[in-house]
C-alpha atoms as a PDB file:
ATOM      1  CA  MET A   1       0.000   0.000   0.000  1.00  0.00           C
ATOM      2  CA  GLN A   2       1.331   3.397  -0.989  1.00  0.00           C
ATOM      3  CA  LEU A   3       1.784   5.759   1.935  1.00  0.00           C
ATOM      4  CA  LEU A   4      -0.874   8.509   1.955  1.00  0.00           C
ATOM      5  CA  SER A   5      -2.951   6.699  -0.656  1.00  0.00           C
ATOM      6  CA  VAL A   6      -6.731   7.170  -0.505  1.00  0.00           C
ATOM      7  CA  PRO A   7      -7.353   3.795   1.271  1.00  0.00           C
ATOM      8  CA  PHE A   8      -4.554   4.577   3.738  1.00  0.00           C
ATOM      9  CA  LEU A   9      -6.019   8.021   4.502  1.00  0.00           C
ATOM     10  CA  ARG A  10      -9.501   6.584   4.904  1.00  0.00           C
ATOM     11  CA  ARG A  11      -8.291   4.003   7.398  1.00  0.00           C
ATOM     12  CA  TYR A  12      -5.660   5.937   9.360  1.00  0.00           C
ATOM     13  CA  GLY A  13      -5.894   9.585   8.343  1.00  0.00           C
ATOM     14  CA  LYS A  14      -9.513  10.136   9.336  1.00  0.00           C
ATOM     15  CA  PRO A  15      -9.096   9.006  12.974  1.00  0.00           C
ATOM     16  CA  VAL A  16      -6.028  11.243  13.298  1.00  0.00           C
ATOM     17  CA  VAL A  17      -7.822  14.267  11.833  1.00  0.00           C
ATOM     18  CA  PHE A  18     -10.888  13.526  13.974  1.00  0.00           C
ATOM     19  CA  ALA A  19      -8.742  13.564  17.124  1.00  0.00           C
ATOM     20  CA  LEU A  20      -6.909  16.739  16.091  1.00  0.00           C
ATOM     21  CA  LEU A  21     -10.139  18.632  15.432  1.00  0.00           C
ATOM     22  CA  LEU A  22     -11.408  17.577  18.867  1.00  0.00           C
ATOM     23  CA  VAL A  23      -8.393  19.097  20.655  1.00  0.00           C
ATOM     24  CA  PRO A  24      -9.915  22.617  21.093  1.00  0.00           C
ATOM     25  CA  ALA A  25     -13.009  21.146  22.762  1.00  0.00           C
ATOM     26  CA  ALA A  26     -10.796  19.064  25.038  1.00  0.00           C
ATOM     27  CA  ILE A  27      -8.818  22.191  25.980  1.00  0.00           C
ATOM     28  CA  LEU A  28     -12.043  24.018  26.840  1.00  0.00           C
ATOM     29  CA  VAL A  29     -13.295  21.134  28.989  1.00  0.00           C
ATOM     30  CA  HIS A  30      -9.930  20.938  30.749  1.00  0.00           C
ATOM     31  CA  ASN A  31      -9.986  24.661  31.512  1.00  0.00           C
ATOM     32  CA  TRP A  32     -13.478  24.423  32.963  1.00  0.00           C
ATOM     33  CA  TRP A  33     -12.384  21.499  35.123  1.00  0.00           C
ATOM     34  CA  LEU A  34      -9.479  23.601  36.400  1.00  0.00           C
ATOM     35  CA  ALA A  35     -11.878  26.480  37.093  1.00  0.00           C
ATOM     36  CA  PHE A  36     -14.229  24.258  39.093  1.00  0.00           C
ATOM     37  CA  GLU A  37     -11.269  22.958  41.074  1.00  0.00           C
ATOM     38  CA  GLY A  38     -10.130  26.507  41.786  1.00  0.00           C
ATOM     39  CA  LEU A  39      -6.888  25.991  39.884  1.00  0.00           C
ATOM     40  CA  PRO A  40      -5.210  28.415  37.450  1.00  0.00           C
ATOM     41  CA  ASN A  41      -6.794  28.281  33.984  1.00  0.00           C
ATOM     42  CA  ASP A  42      -7.074  30.213  30.732  1.00  0.00           C
ATOM     43  CA  LEU A  43     -10.714  31.282  31.146  1.00  0.00           C
ATOM     44  CA  GLY A  44      -9.826  34.443  33.037  1.00  0.00           C
ATOM     45  CA  PHE A  45     -12.101  36.471  35.283  1.00  0.00           C
ATOM     46  CA  ASN A  46     -15.104  36.041  32.957  1.00  0.00           C
ATOM     47  CA  PRO A  47     -15.254  32.325  32.013  1.00  0.00           C
ATOM     48  CA  GLN A  48     -18.663  32.661  30.366  1.00  0.00           C
ATOM     49  CA  GLU A  49     -17.432  35.241  27.875  1.00  0.00           C
ATOM     50  CA  ALA A  50     -14.201  33.316  27.382  1.00  0.00           C
ATOM     51  CA  SER A  51     -16.182  30.189  26.491  1.00  0.00           C
ATOM     52  CA  ASN A  52     -18.409  32.123  24.096  1.00  0.00           C
ATOM     53  CA  ARG A  53     -15.430  33.599  22.290  1.00  0.00           C
ATOM     54  CA  PHE A  54     -13.416  30.379  22.255  1.00  0.00           C
ATOM     55  CA  THR A  55     -16.213  28.285  20.741  1.00  0.00           C
ATOM     56  CA  GLY A  56     -17.160  31.059  18.316  1.00  0.00           C
ATOM     57  CA  ASP A  57     -13.572  31.429  17.125  1.00  0.00           C
ATOM     58  CA  TRP A  58     -13.265  27.709  16.491  1.00  0.00           C
ATOM     59  CA  THR A  59     -16.595  27.576  14.697  1.00  0.00           C
ATOM     60  CA  LEU A  60     -15.355  30.223  12.270  1.00  0.00           C
ATOM     61  CA  ARG A  61     -12.008  28.477  11.841  1.00  0.00           C
ATOM     62  CA  MET A  62     -13.691  25.177  11.041  1.00  0.00           C
ATOM     63  CA  LEU A  63     -15.984  26.871   8.522  1.00  0.00           C
ATOM     64  CA  LEU A  64     -13.045  28.497   6.759  1.00  0.00           C
ATOM     65  CA  LEU A  65     -11.134  25.228   6.819  1.00  0.00           C
ATOM     66  CA  ALA A  66     -14.102  23.424   5.249  1.00  0.00           C
ATOM     67  CA  LEU A  67     -14.293  26.088   2.539  1.00  0.00           C
ATOM     68  CA  ALA A  68     -10.553  25.799   1.925  1.00  0.00           C
ATOM     69  CA  ILE A  69     -10.556  22.061   1.240  1.00  0.00           C
ATOM     70  CA  THR A  70     -11.878  22.200  -2.334  1.00  0.00           C
ATOM     71  CA  PRO A  71      -9.431  24.928  -3.475  1.00  0.00           C
ATOM     72  CA  LEU A  72      -6.627  23.013  -1.761  1.00  0.00           C
ATOM     73  CA  SER A  73      -7.624  19.843  -3.580  1.00  0.00           C
ATOM     74  CA  LYS A  74      -7.505  21.645  -6.917  1.00  0.00           C
ATOM     75  CA  LEU A  75      -4.229  23.334  -6.057  1.00  0.00           C
ATOM     76  CA  LEU A  76      -2.665  19.959  -5.225  1.00  0.00           C
ATOM     77  CA  ASN A  77      -4.466  18.311  -8.159  1.00  0.00           C
ATOM     78  CA  SER A  78      -5.463  15.558  -5.755  1.00  0.00           C
ATOM     79  CA  PRO A  79      -8.816  14.349  -4.369  1.00  0.00           C
ATOM     80  CA  LYS A  80      -7.258  13.420  -1.026  1.00  0.00           C
ATOM     81  CA  PRO A  81      -8.205  16.606   0.904  1.00  0.00           C
ATOM     82  CA  ILE A  82     -11.851  16.031  -0.097  1.00  0.00           C
ATOM     83  CA  LEU A  83     -11.845  12.930   2.117  1.00  0.00           C
ATOM     84  CA  PHE A  84     -11.898  15.201   5.176  1.00  0.00           C
ATOM     85  CA  ARG A  85     -14.370  17.846   3.976  1.00  0.00           C
ATOM     86  CA  ARG A  86     -17.495  16.319   5.525  1.00  0.00           C
ATOM     87  CA  MET A  87     -15.702  15.715   8.830  1.00  0.00           C
ATOM     88  CA  VAL A  88     -14.495  19.314   9.002  1.00  0.00           C
ATOM     89  CA  GLY A  89     -17.965  20.594   8.125  1.00  0.00           C
ATOM     90  CA  LEU A  90     -19.546  18.525  10.879  1.00  0.00           C
ATOM     91  CA  TYR A  91     -16.946  19.791  13.322  1.00  0.00           C
ATOM     92  CA  ALA A  92     -17.920  23.334  12.339  1.00  0.00           C
ATOM     93  CA  PHE A  93     -21.484  22.437  13.319  1.00  0.00           C
ATOM     94  CA  PHE A  94     -20.245  20.801  16.519  1.00  0.00           C
ATOM     95  CA  TYR A  95     -18.391  23.938  17.615  1.00  0.00           C
ATOM     96  CA  ALA A  96     -21.356  26.080  16.557  1.00  0.00           C
ATOM     97  CA  CYS A  97     -23.553  23.970  18.862  1.00  0.00           C
ATOM     98  CA  LEU A  98     -21.049  24.485  21.678  1.00  0.00           C
ATOM     99  CA  HIS A  99     -21.090  28.213  20.942  1.00  0.00           C
ATOM    100  CA  ILE A 100     -24.888  28.377  21.093  1.00  0.00           C
ATOM    101  CA  ALA A 101     -24.967  26.188  24.211  1.00  0.00           C
ATOM    102  CA  SER A 102     -22.412  28.430  25.903  1.00  0.00           C
ATOM    103  CA  TYR A 103     -24.511  31.497  25.115  1.00  0.00           C
ATOM    104  CA  LEU A 104     -27.828  29.950  26.205  1.00  0.00           C
ATOM    105  CA  TRP A 105     -26.537  28.188  29.312  1.00  0.00           C
ATOM    106  CA  LEU A 106     -23.589  30.125  30.702  1.00  0.00           C
ATOM    107  CA  ASP A 107     -24.569  33.598  29.549  1.00  0.00           C
ATOM    108  CA  LYS A 108     -28.405  33.594  29.619  1.00  0.00           C
ATOM    109  CA  TYR A 109     -29.149  30.635  31.938  1.00  0.00           C
ATOM    110  CA  PHE A 110     -31.858  29.540  29.473  1.00  0.00           C
ATOM    111  CA  ALA A 111     -33.866  32.723  30.059  1.00  0.00           C
ATOM    112  CA  TRP A 112     -35.685  32.423  26.735  1.00  0.00           C
ATOM    113  CA  GLY A 113     -37.293  35.834  27.003  1.00  0.00           C
ATOM    114  CA  GLU A 114     -33.882  37.480  27.248  1.00  0.00           C
ATOM    115  CA  VAL A 115     -32.548  35.307  24.439  1.00  0.00           C
ATOM    116  CA  TRP A 116     -35.402  36.298  22.136  1.00  0.00           C
ATOM    117  CA  ALA A 117     -34.942  39.955  23.053  1.00  0.00           C
ATOM    118  CA  ASP A 118     -31.239  39.684  22.208  1.00  0.00           C
ATOM    119  CA  ILE A 119     -32.006  38.132  18.831  1.00  0.00           C
ATOM    120  CA  LEU A 120     -34.421  40.938  17.984  1.00  0.00           C
ATOM    121  CA  LYS A 121     -32.383  43.868  19.344  1.00  0.00           C
ATOM    122  CA  ARG A 122     -28.735  42.940  18.815  1.00  0.00           C
ATOM    123  CA  ILE A 123     -27.999  42.670  15.110  1.00  0.00           C
ATOM    124  CA  TYR A 124     -24.795  40.680  15.567  1.00  0.00           C
ATOM    125  CA  ILE A 125     -26.733  38.011  17.500  1.00  0.00           C
ATOM    126  CA  THR A 126     -29.434  38.014  14.803  1.00  0.00           C
ATOM    127  CA  VAL A 127     -26.769  37.423  12.164  1.00  0.00           C
ATOM    128  CA  GLY A 128     -25.080  34.705  14.221  1.00  0.00           C
ATOM    129  CA  MET A 129     -28.344  32.871  14.849  1.00  0.00           C
ATOM    130  CA  ALA A 130     -29.197  33.065  11.147  1.00  0.00           C
ATOM    131  CA  ALA A 131     -25.855  31.447  10.321  1.00  0.00           C
ATOM    132  CA  PHE A 132     -26.504  28.675  12.852  1.00  0.00           C
ATOM    133  CA  VAL A 133     -30.019  27.986  11.543  1.00  0.00           C
ATOM    134  CA  LEU A 134     -28.672  27.724   7.987  1.00  0.00           C
ATOM    135  CA  LEU A 135     -25.980  25.341   9.188  1.00  0.00           C
ATOM    136  CA  ILE A 136     -28.473  22.865  10.663  1.00  0.00           C
ATOM    137  CA  PRO A 137     -29.854  21.427   7.372  1.00  0.00           C
ATOM    138  CA  LEU A 138     -26.301  21.108   6.014  1.00  0.00           C
ATOM    139  CA  ALA A 139     -25.288  19.015   9.028  1.00  0.00           C
ATOM    140  CA  VAL A 140     -28.459  16.903   8.876  1.00  0.00           C
ATOM    141  CA  THR A 141     -28.059  16.154   5.149  1.00  0.00           C
ATOM    142  CA  SER A 142     -24.320  15.475   5.273  1.00  0.00           C
ATOM    143  CA  THR A 143     -24.695  11.688   4.951  1.00  0.00           C
ATOM    144  CA  ARG A 144     -24.610   9.649   1.744  1.00  0.00           C
ATOM    145  CA  GLY A 145     -28.193   8.606   2.385  1.00  0.00           C
ATOM    146  CA  TRP A 146     -29.337  12.206   2.089  1.00  0.00           C
ATOM    147  CA  VAL A 147     -27.341  12.643  -1.116  1.00  0.00           C
ATOM    148  CA  ARG A 148     -29.371   9.764  -2.595  1.00  0.00           C
ATOM    149  CA  ARG A 149     -32.668  11.105  -1.252  1.00  0.00           C
ATOM    150  CA  LEU A 150     -32.158  14.652  -2.508  1.00  0.00           C
ATOM    151  CA  GLY A 151     -30.274  13.800  -5.661  1.00  0.00           C
ATOM    152  CA  SER A 152     -26.753  14.988  -6.337  1.00  0.00           C
ATOM    153  CA  LYS A 153     -27.714  18.311  -7.955  1.00  0.00           C
ATOM    154  CA  ASN A 154     -30.259  19.278  -5.294  1.00  0.00           C
ATOM    155  CA  TRP A 155     -27.828  18.265  -2.554  1.00  0.00           C
ATOM    156  CA  GLN A 156     -25.105  20.429  -4.073  1.00  0.00           C
ATOM    157  CA  ARG A 157     -27.496  23.378  -4.375  1.00  0.00           C
ATOM    158  CA  LEU A 158     -28.455  23.047  -0.711  1.00  0.00           C
ATOM    159  CA  HIS A 159     -24.855  22.833   0.464  1.00  0.00           C
ATOM    160  CA  LYS A 160     -23.890  25.971  -1.419  1.00  0.00           C
ATOM    161  CA  ALA A 161     -25.506  27.716   1.546  1.00  0.00           C
ATOM    162  CA  VAL A 162     -22.136  27.242   3.255  1.00  0.00           C
ATOM    163  CA  TYR A 163     -20.902  30.322   1.379  1.00  0.00           C
ATOM    164  CA  ALA A 164     -23.683  32.453   2.868  1.00  0.00           C
ATOM    165  CA  ILE A 165     -23.020  30.892   6.269  1.00  0.00           C
ATOM    166  CA  GLY A 166     -19.340  31.828   6.018  1.00  0.00           C
ATOM    167  CA  VAL A 167     -20.223  35.430   5.145  1.00  0.00           C
ATOM    168  CA  LEU A 168     -22.734  35.682   8.005  1.00  0.00           C
ATOM    169  CA  ALA A 169     -20.238  34.155  10.451  1.00  0.00           C
ATOM    170  CA  VAL A 170     -17.561  36.682   9.511  1.00  0.00           C
ATOM    171  CA  ILE A 171     -20.044  39.560   9.763  1.00  0.00           C
ATOM    172  CA  HIS A 172     -21.119  38.278  13.183  1.00  0.00           C
ATOM    173  CA  PHE A 173     -17.486  38.165  14.290  1.00  0.00           C
ATOM    174  CA  ILE A 174     -16.703  41.666  13.005  1.00  0.00           C
ATOM    175  CA  MET A 175     -19.802  43.180  14.635  1.00  0.00           C
ATOM    176  CA  MET A 176     -19.139  41.403  17.920  1.00  0.00           C
ATOM    177  CA  ARG A 177     -15.643  42.850  18.250  1.00  0.00           C
ATOM    178  CA  LYS A 178     -16.075  46.499  19.188  1.00  0.00           C
ATOM    179  CA  GLY A 179     -13.776  49.068  17.651  1.00  0.00           C
ATOM    180  CA  PHE A 180     -11.067  48.475  15.069  1.00  0.00           C
ATOM    181  CA  GLN A 181      -9.378  45.093  15.456  1.00  0.00           C
ATOM    182  CA  VAL A 182      -7.097  43.291  13.047  1.00  0.00           C
ATOM    183  CA  GLU A 183      -8.197  39.710  13.797  1.00  0.00           C
ATOM    184  CA  PRO A 184     -11.725  39.984  12.306  1.00  0.00           C
ATOM    185  CA  LEU A 185     -10.255  41.580   9.178  1.00  0.00           C
ATOM    186  CA  ILE A 186      -7.865  38.651   8.785  1.00  0.00           C
ATOM    187  CA  TYR A 187     -10.765  36.195   8.847  1.00  0.00           C
ATOM    188  CA  ALA A 188     -12.678  38.391   6.389  1.00  0.00           C
ATOM    189  CA  ALA A 189      -9.669  38.464   4.047  1.00  0.00           C
ATOM    190  CA  ILE A 190      -9.315  34.666   4.210  1.00  0.00           C
ATOM    191  CA  LEU A 191     -13.005  34.227   3.401  1.00  0.00           C
ATOM    192  CA  ALA A 192     -12.781  36.723   0.527  1.00  0.00           C
ATOM    193  CA  ALA A 193      -9.788  34.871  -0.918  1.00  0.00           C
ATOM    194  CA  LEU A 194     -11.611  31.541  -0.689  1.00  0.00           C
ATOM    195  CA  LEU A 195     -14.692  32.950  -2.415  1.00  0.00           C
ATOM    196  CA  ILE A 196     -12.666  34.676  -5.134  1.00  0.00           C
ATOM    197  CA  SER A 197     -10.842  31.412  -5.847  1.00  0.00           C
ATOM    198  CA  ARG A 198     -14.196  29.898  -6.826  1.00  0.00           C
ATOM    199  CA  VAL A 199     -15.200  32.663  -9.260  1.00  0.00           C
ATOM    200  CA  PRO A 200     -13.538  31.109 -12.357  1.00  0.00           C
ATOM    201  CA  GLU A 201     -15.358  27.814 -11.758  1.00  0.00           C
ATOM    202  CA  TRP A 202     -18.679  29.598 -11.244  1.00  0.00           C
ATOM    203  CA  VAL A 203     -18.138  31.507 -14.502  1.00  0.00           C
ATOM    204  CA  ARG A 204     -17.349  28.297 -16.412  1.00  0.00           C
ATOM    205  CA  LYS A 205     -20.454  26.578 -15.056  1.00  0.00           C
ATOM    206  CA  ALA A 206     -22.622  29.595 -15.953  1.00  0.00           C
ATOM    207  CA  ARG A 207     -21.252  29.556 -19.512  1.00  0.00           C
ATOM    208  CA  ARG A 208     -21.930  25.835 -19.859  1.00  0.00           C
ATOM    209  CA  ARG A 209     -25.513  26.337 -18.681  1.00  0.00           C
ATOM    210  CA  ASN A 210     -25.975  29.181 -21.158  1.00  0.00           C
ATOM    211  CA  ARG A 211     -24.603  27.073 -24.024  1.00  0.00           C
ATOM    212  CA  LYS A 212     -26.907  24.182 -23.121  1.00  0.00           C
ATOM    213  CA  ALA A 213     -29.880  26.547 -22.911  1.00  0.00           C
ATOM    214  CA  ALA A 214     -29.011  28.073 -26.278  1.00  0.00           C
ATOM    215  CA  ALA A 215     -28.640  24.626 -27.838  1.00  0.00           C
ATOM    216  CA  ALA A 216     -31.983  23.532 -26.420  1.00  0.00           C
END
């Protein structure tokens, strides 16, 4: 068996990547355990806010990583990175769930009236919740069974919502950080680069559709 072949990556690479992507969550759990034990930790004087930011940051990173896999595959002229795309996308949903849970539990203590008021009054929370809601059907339909049920074309159309989700997530992050900060702009630049890299393919597909329509 050739090292780093597709079968090798399926068998050994996926468990390794799965464990690596779980590391941030393990770090967060460890820090909370230290906090409960009264030991020094990285959550600081406001652990609720620290948890919100930590899980939100990793949600955005996982989204950008998922969006980067297809361009990386084309750059390397190899299908191997695609093997990990679904896993990374599901991890983005996992960290988004942790982010929402942190907000609802640690910040609002499940006071649904306050949560609803926040969604209506604070635009950055409205945008963040919209991104999370759009992410749910993508996570649910990520299996091969759903690809068969929806059909390949319909499934691909649905999962193009990830681009809108990425934009909303970056907007949420920029609006959440008050004042001028470099970090949100870096994430915005990465997202812009990833979207721009897809423009030539979108143009080619649009031209093919137009030619088929003209021929019909």
